[in-house]
N, C-alpha and C. Protein backbone atom coordinates (compact mmCIF):
# COMPACT_ATOMS: atom_id res chain seq x y z
N UNK A 1 0.72 7.61 -21.61
CA UNK A 1 -0.48 8.60 -22.38
C UNK A 1 -1.43 7.35 -22.91
N UNK A 2 -2.49 7.89 -22.15
CA UNK A 2 -3.88 7.23 -22.55
C UNK A 2 -4.77 8.20 -23.36
N UNK A 3 -4.89 7.39 -24.56
CA UNK A 3 -5.58 8.28 -25.72
C UNK A 3 -7.18 7.65 -26.03
N UNK A 4 -8.19 7.80 -25.98
CA UNK A 4 -9.63 7.61 -26.22
C UNK A 4 -9.69 7.73 -27.29
N UNK A 5 -10.93 6.93 -27.84
CA UNK A 5 -11.50 7.06 -29.21
C UNK A 5 -12.44 8.19 -28.92
N UNK A 6 -12.36 9.19 -29.97
CA UNK A 6 -13.31 10.31 -29.79
C UNK A 6 -14.62 9.89 -30.19
N UNK A 7 -14.84 8.57 -30.72
CA UNK A 7 -16.13 8.48 -31.34
C UNK A 7 -16.89 7.57 -30.49
N UNK A 8 -16.08 6.39 -29.77
CA UNK A 8 -16.84 5.86 -28.55
C UNK A 8 -16.52 6.05 -27.19
N UNK A 9 -15.67 6.62 -26.74
CA UNK A 9 -14.98 6.78 -25.81
C UNK A 9 -14.05 5.53 -25.00
N UNK A 10 -14.00 4.54 -25.76
CA UNK A 10 -12.94 3.22 -25.31
C UNK A 10 -11.70 3.71 -25.55
N UNK A 11 -10.58 2.93 -24.77
CA UNK A 11 -9.12 3.15 -24.89
C UNK A 11 -8.66 3.07 -26.21
N UNK A 12 -7.78 3.54 -26.50
CA UNK A 12 -7.29 3.13 -28.14
C UNK A 12 -6.23 2.15 -27.34
N UNK A 13 -5.59 1.40 -28.47
CA UNK A 13 -4.56 0.61 -28.60
C UNK A 13 -3.56 0.97 -29.42
N UNK A 14 -1.94 0.29 -29.06
CA UNK A 14 -1.20 1.08 -30.22
C UNK A 14 -0.91 -0.09 -30.84
N UNK A 15 -0.79 -0.09 -32.07
CA UNK A 15 -0.23 -1.22 -32.79
C UNK A 15 0.79 -0.82 -34.06
N UNK A 16 0.96 -1.79 -34.84
CA UNK A 16 1.86 -1.41 -35.54
C UNK A 16 1.40 -1.96 -37.09
N UNK A 17 2.01 -1.61 -38.30
CA UNK A 17 1.18 -2.35 -39.54
C UNK A 17 2.52 -1.93 -40.65
N UNK A 18 2.04 -2.10 -41.68
CA UNK A 18 2.96 -1.69 -43.28
C UNK A 18 3.19 -0.18 -42.83
N UNK A 19 1.99 0.61 -42.64
CA UNK A 19 2.23 2.05 -42.97
C UNK A 19 2.77 2.48 -41.37
N UNK A 20 2.97 1.94 -40.68
CA UNK A 20 3.70 2.88 -39.50
C UNK A 20 3.15 1.99 -38.02
N UNK A 21 3.15 3.29 -37.03
CA UNK A 21 2.58 3.11 -36.05
C UNK A 21 0.97 3.75 -35.83
N UNK A 22 0.00 3.04 -34.88
CA UNK A 22 -1.15 3.54 -34.72
C UNK A 22 -1.82 3.16 -33.68
N UNK A 23 -2.99 4.61 -33.37
CA UNK A 23 -3.59 4.00 -32.41
C UNK A 23 -4.83 3.66 -32.72
N UNK A 24 -5.63 2.21 -32.38
CA UNK A 24 -6.78 2.08 -33.20
C UNK A 24 -7.80 1.47 -32.21
N UNK A 25 -8.72 1.56 -31.97
CA UNK A 25 -9.86 1.11 -31.44
C UNK A 25 -10.42 -0.09 -31.71
N UNK A 26 -10.78 -0.76 -30.83
CA UNK A 26 -11.16 -2.15 -30.55
C UNK A 26 -12.37 -2.54 -31.02
N UNK A 27 -13.30 -1.31 -30.72
CA UNK A 27 -15.05 -1.39 -31.03
C UNK A 27 -15.70 -0.78 -32.33
N UNK A 28 -14.89 -0.08 -32.53
CA UNK A 28 -15.07 1.08 -33.68
C UNK A 28 -14.19 1.08 -34.77
N UNK A 29 -14.15 1.27 -35.88
CA UNK A 29 -13.28 1.68 -36.91
C UNK A 29 -12.29 2.43 -36.99
N UNK A 30 -12.11 3.51 -35.82
CA UNK A 30 -11.38 4.55 -35.87
C UNK A 30 -9.76 3.92 -35.87
N UNK A 31 -9.07 4.99 -36.39
CA UNK A 31 -7.63 4.82 -36.49
C UNK A 31 -6.91 5.84 -36.55
N UNK A 32 -6.14 5.95 -35.57
CA UNK A 32 -5.10 7.55 -35.52
C UNK A 32 -3.37 7.06 -36.22
N UNK A 33 -2.87 7.46 -37.47
CA UNK A 33 -1.41 6.98 -37.83
C UNK A 33 -0.95 7.98 -37.01
N UNK A 34 0.60 7.79 -36.24
CA UNK A 34 1.08 8.50 -35.68
C UNK A 34 2.22 8.65 -37.09
N UNK A 35 3.17 10.29 -36.73
CA UNK A 35 3.92 10.77 -37.51
C UNK A 35 5.28 9.78 -36.83
N UNK A 36 6.35 9.79 -37.91
CA UNK A 36 7.49 9.44 -37.58
C UNK A 36 8.18 10.34 -36.48
N UNK A 37 8.61 9.42 -35.48
CA UNK A 37 9.36 10.35 -34.45
C UNK A 37 8.35 10.95 -33.13
N UNK A 38 7.14 10.46 -32.98
CA UNK A 38 6.28 10.58 -32.13
C UNK A 38 6.50 10.00 -31.16
N UNK A 39 6.78 10.44 -29.75
CA UNK A 39 6.78 9.88 -28.47
C UNK A 39 5.55 9.39 -28.13
N UNK A 40 5.58 7.87 -27.81
CA UNK A 40 4.16 7.06 -27.92
C UNK A 40 3.92 7.09 -26.53
N UNK A 41 5.08 7.05 -25.37
CA UNK A 41 4.64 6.78 -24.09
C UNK A 41 5.62 7.55 -23.28
N UNK A 42 4.90 7.81 -22.05
CA UNK A 42 5.81 8.47 -21.05
C UNK A 42 5.58 7.89 -19.80
N UNK A 43 6.83 7.92 -19.16
CA UNK A 43 7.03 6.73 -18.07
C UNK A 43 7.14 7.53 -16.87
N UNK A 44 6.53 6.98 -15.55
CA UNK A 44 6.19 7.74 -14.52
C UNK A 44 6.39 6.93 -13.21
N UNK A 45 7.44 7.41 -12.48
CA UNK A 45 8.17 6.58 -11.33
C UNK A 45 7.04 6.92 -10.02
N UNK A 46 6.26 5.66 -9.85
CA UNK A 46 5.32 6.13 -8.77
C UNK A 46 5.94 5.80 -7.66
N UNK A 47 5.70 6.39 -6.35
CA UNK A 47 6.35 6.14 -4.95
C UNK A 47 5.25 5.15 -4.10
N UNK A 48 5.82 3.97 -3.47
CA UNK A 48 5.12 3.14 -2.74
C UNK A 48 4.67 4.21 -1.50
N UNK A 49 3.44 3.49 -1.11
CA UNK A 49 2.89 4.38 0.27
C UNK A 49 3.44 3.68 1.39
N UNK A 50 3.77 4.24 2.34
CA UNK A 50 4.09 3.44 3.44
C UNK A 50 3.02 3.31 4.40
N UNK A 51 3.20 1.77 4.14
CA UNK A 51 2.13 1.37 5.23
C UNK A 51 2.34 0.85 6.62
N UNK A 52 1.72 1.11 7.66
CA UNK A 52 2.03 0.43 8.93
C UNK A 52 1.60 -0.65 9.19
N UNK A 53 2.64 -1.47 10.07
CA UNK A 53 2.35 -2.92 10.42
C UNK A 53 0.81 -3.16 10.90
N UNK A 54 0.59 -4.48 10.41
CA UNK A 54 -0.66 -4.63 11.15
C UNK A 54 -0.52 -4.84 12.93
N UNK A 55 0.57 -5.40 13.00
CA UNK A 55 0.35 -5.67 14.53
C UNK A 55 1.43 -4.51 15.54
N UNK A 56 0.97 -3.24 14.91
CA UNK A 56 1.47 -2.38 15.45
C UNK A 56 3.02 -1.72 15.04
N UNK A 57 3.85 -2.18 14.49
CA UNK A 57 5.24 -2.24 14.21
C UNK A 57 5.98 -1.64 15.14
N UNK A 58 6.94 -0.74 15.14
CA UNK A 58 7.82 -0.53 16.24
C UNK A 58 7.28 -0.03 17.62
N UNK A 59 6.13 0.57 17.56
CA UNK A 59 5.31 1.10 18.54
C UNK A 59 4.35 0.31 19.28
N UNK A 60 4.50 -1.09 18.95
CA UNK A 60 3.51 -1.82 19.72
C UNK A 60 4.04 -2.25 20.96
N UNK A 61 4.92 -1.77 21.17
CA UNK A 61 5.54 -2.56 22.82
C UNK A 61 5.28 -1.21 23.63
N UNK A 62 4.95 -0.16 23.10
CA UNK A 62 4.76 0.90 24.14
C UNK A 62 3.87 1.01 24.97
N UNK A 63 3.66 1.51 26.08
CA UNK A 63 2.34 1.20 26.90
C UNK A 63 1.88 -0.11 27.25
N UNK A 64 2.45 -1.09 27.23
CA UNK A 64 1.98 -2.69 27.71
C UNK A 64 2.23 -2.78 28.96
N UNK A 65 1.05 -3.93 28.92
CA UNK A 65 0.99 -4.44 30.21
C UNK A 65 1.78 -5.44 30.68
N UNK A 66 1.99 -5.81 32.13
CA UNK A 66 3.34 -6.43 32.71
C UNK A 66 2.48 -7.75 33.22
N UNK A 67 2.69 -9.26 32.85
CA UNK A 67 2.29 -10.32 33.25
C UNK A 67 2.99 -10.98 34.24
N UNK A 68 2.95 -11.34 35.33
CA UNK A 68 4.07 -12.10 36.07
C UNK A 68 3.72 -13.77 35.91
N UNK A 69 2.80 -13.62 35.50
CA UNK A 69 2.59 -15.23 35.47
C UNK A 69 2.83 -16.02 34.30
N UNK A 70 2.98 -15.00 33.41
CA UNK A 70 3.56 -15.82 31.80
C UNK A 70 5.21 -16.04 31.98
N UNK A 71 5.60 -17.32 31.50
CA UNK A 71 6.82 -18.21 31.70
C UNK A 71 7.17 -17.91 29.97
N UNK A 72 8.49 -17.44 29.73
CA UNK A 72 9.28 -17.66 28.34
C UNK A 72 9.32 -18.68 27.84
N UNK A 73 9.31 -19.23 27.26
CA UNK A 73 9.57 -20.66 26.26
C UNK A 73 11.11 -20.72 26.29
N UNK A 74 11.55 -19.57 26.20
CA UNK A 74 13.03 -19.63 25.79
C UNK A 74 13.85 -19.69 27.06
N UNK A 75 13.74 -18.98 27.83
CA UNK A 75 14.59 -19.21 28.83
C UNK A 75 13.72 -19.13 30.57
N UNK A 76 12.70 -19.73 30.26
CA UNK A 76 12.06 -19.67 31.70
C UNK A 76 11.69 -18.93 32.50
N UNK A 77 12.22 -17.50 32.27
CA UNK A 77 11.75 -16.38 32.96
C UNK A 77 10.42 -16.53 33.47
N UNK A 78 9.95 -15.89 34.71
CA UNK A 78 8.61 -15.67 34.92
C UNK A 78 8.45 -14.02 34.77
N UNK A 79 7.61 -13.94 33.99
CA UNK A 79 7.22 -12.54 33.75
C UNK A 79 7.32 -12.05 32.46
N UNK A 80 6.51 -11.46 31.51
CA UNK A 80 6.53 -10.95 30.10
C UNK A 80 5.66 -9.49 30.06
N UNK A 81 5.85 -8.89 29.25
CA UNK A 81 5.17 -7.77 28.57
C UNK A 81 3.99 -8.38 27.84
N UNK A 82 2.78 -7.63 27.82
CA UNK A 82 2.01 -8.49 26.75
C UNK A 82 0.95 -7.65 26.18
N UNK A 83 0.29 -7.33 25.04
CA UNK A 83 -0.77 -6.74 24.62
C UNK A 83 -1.65 -8.15 23.94
N UNK A 84 -2.87 -7.47 23.92
CA UNK A 84 -3.79 -8.41 23.03
C UNK A 84 -4.31 -7.80 22.41
N UNK A 85 -4.58 -8.45 20.89
CA UNK A 85 -5.25 -7.82 19.62
C UNK A 85 -6.11 -9.20 18.92
N UNK A 86 -7.05 -8.50 18.34
CA UNK A 86 -7.83 -9.69 17.46
C UNK A 86 -7.70 -9.30 16.64
N UNK A 87 -7.14 -10.46 15.99
CA UNK A 87 -6.65 -10.96 14.67
C UNK A 87 -7.15 -11.73 13.79
N UNK A 88 -8.33 -12.56 14.30
CA UNK A 88 -9.30 -13.41 13.78
C UNK A 88 -10.45 -12.77 13.92
N UNK A 89 -11.52 -13.36 13.47
CA UNK A 89 -12.95 -12.93 13.38
C UNK A 89 -13.59 -12.77 14.74
N UNK A 90 -14.43 -11.75 14.69
CA UNK A 90 -15.08 -11.33 16.14
C UNK A 90 -15.74 -12.65 16.98
N UNK A 91 -15.97 -13.84 16.18
CA UNK A 91 -16.10 -14.56 17.36
C UNK A 91 -15.09 -15.56 17.93
N UNK A 92 -13.91 -15.51 17.59
CA UNK A 92 -12.68 -16.28 18.07
C UNK A 92 -12.10 -15.28 19.03
N UNK A 93 -11.45 -16.05 20.14
CA UNK A 93 -10.92 -15.01 21.40
C UNK A 93 -9.69 -14.27 20.70
N UNK A 94 -9.31 -13.32 21.36
CA UNK A 94 -8.08 -12.25 21.44
C UNK A 94 -6.98 -13.35 21.47
N UNK A 95 -6.00 -12.86 20.50
CA UNK A 95 -4.51 -13.33 20.58
C UNK A 95 -3.78 -12.26 21.76
N UNK A 96 -3.02 -13.32 22.67
CA UNK A 96 -1.99 -12.30 23.48
C UNK A 96 -0.85 -12.55 22.85
N UNK A 97 0.00 -11.23 22.78
CA UNK A 97 1.29 -11.13 22.20
C UNK A 97 2.41 -10.74 23.58
N UNK A 98 3.15 -11.90 23.38
CA UNK A 98 4.32 -11.43 24.98
C UNK A 98 5.64 -11.31 24.45
N UNK A 99 6.37 -10.64 25.34
CA UNK A 99 7.58 -10.51 25.00
C UNK A 99 8.25 -10.56 26.74
N UNK A 100 9.39 -11.52 26.94
CA UNK A 100 9.94 -11.81 28.11
C UNK A 100 10.69 -10.52 28.19
N UNK A 101 10.82 -10.34 29.52
CA UNK A 101 11.52 -9.48 30.20
C UNK A 101 12.75 -9.47 30.55
N UNK A 102 13.43 -10.41 30.61
CA UNK A 102 14.63 -10.59 30.61
C UNK A 102 15.60 -11.21 29.24
N UNK A 103 14.87 -11.78 28.17
CA UNK A 103 15.55 -11.94 27.06
C UNK A 103 15.12 -11.54 25.99
N UNK A 104 13.86 -10.83 26.08
CA UNK A 104 12.98 -10.16 24.94
C UNK A 104 12.70 -10.99 24.16
N UNK A 105 12.62 -12.38 24.10
CA UNK A 105 12.09 -13.34 23.33
C UNK A 105 10.66 -12.71 23.00
N UNK A 106 9.88 -13.05 21.74
CA UNK A 106 8.57 -12.78 21.37
C UNK A 106 7.75 -13.99 21.26
N UNK A 107 6.64 -14.25 21.52
CA UNK A 107 5.82 -15.35 21.15
C UNK A 107 4.38 -14.90 21.65
N UNK A 108 3.42 -15.66 21.06
CA UNK A 108 2.10 -15.58 21.38
C UNK A 108 1.33 -16.88 21.65
N UNK A 109 0.06 -16.35 22.36
CA UNK A 109 -0.75 -17.04 23.15
C UNK A 109 -1.94 -16.61 22.85
N UNK A 110 -2.76 -18.00 22.58
CA UNK A 110 -4.18 -18.23 21.95
C UNK A 110 -5.52 -17.88 22.96
């Protein structure tokens, strides 16, 4: 629960004193004392948004091209699927992401 000062419209803070709990303004002398048993907070659980992977996620390897000249560093197979993506600034070359056709090992080339 956010409560704002009716005088200066700044957000009120919750504080305790010898008289009990109160909302007080930090910029003006406004105070609002709470009665005993008053609910001061209301908890809300927020759902996290599903964010897509920057590099394409699960669908990154659909409709990719095949490069017969690429050699897998793991199994030395000639031939790999690849796609190119600009992951750095515009004046840098694109990065080539490769996936072996035999062992499905993934690597990238600059």
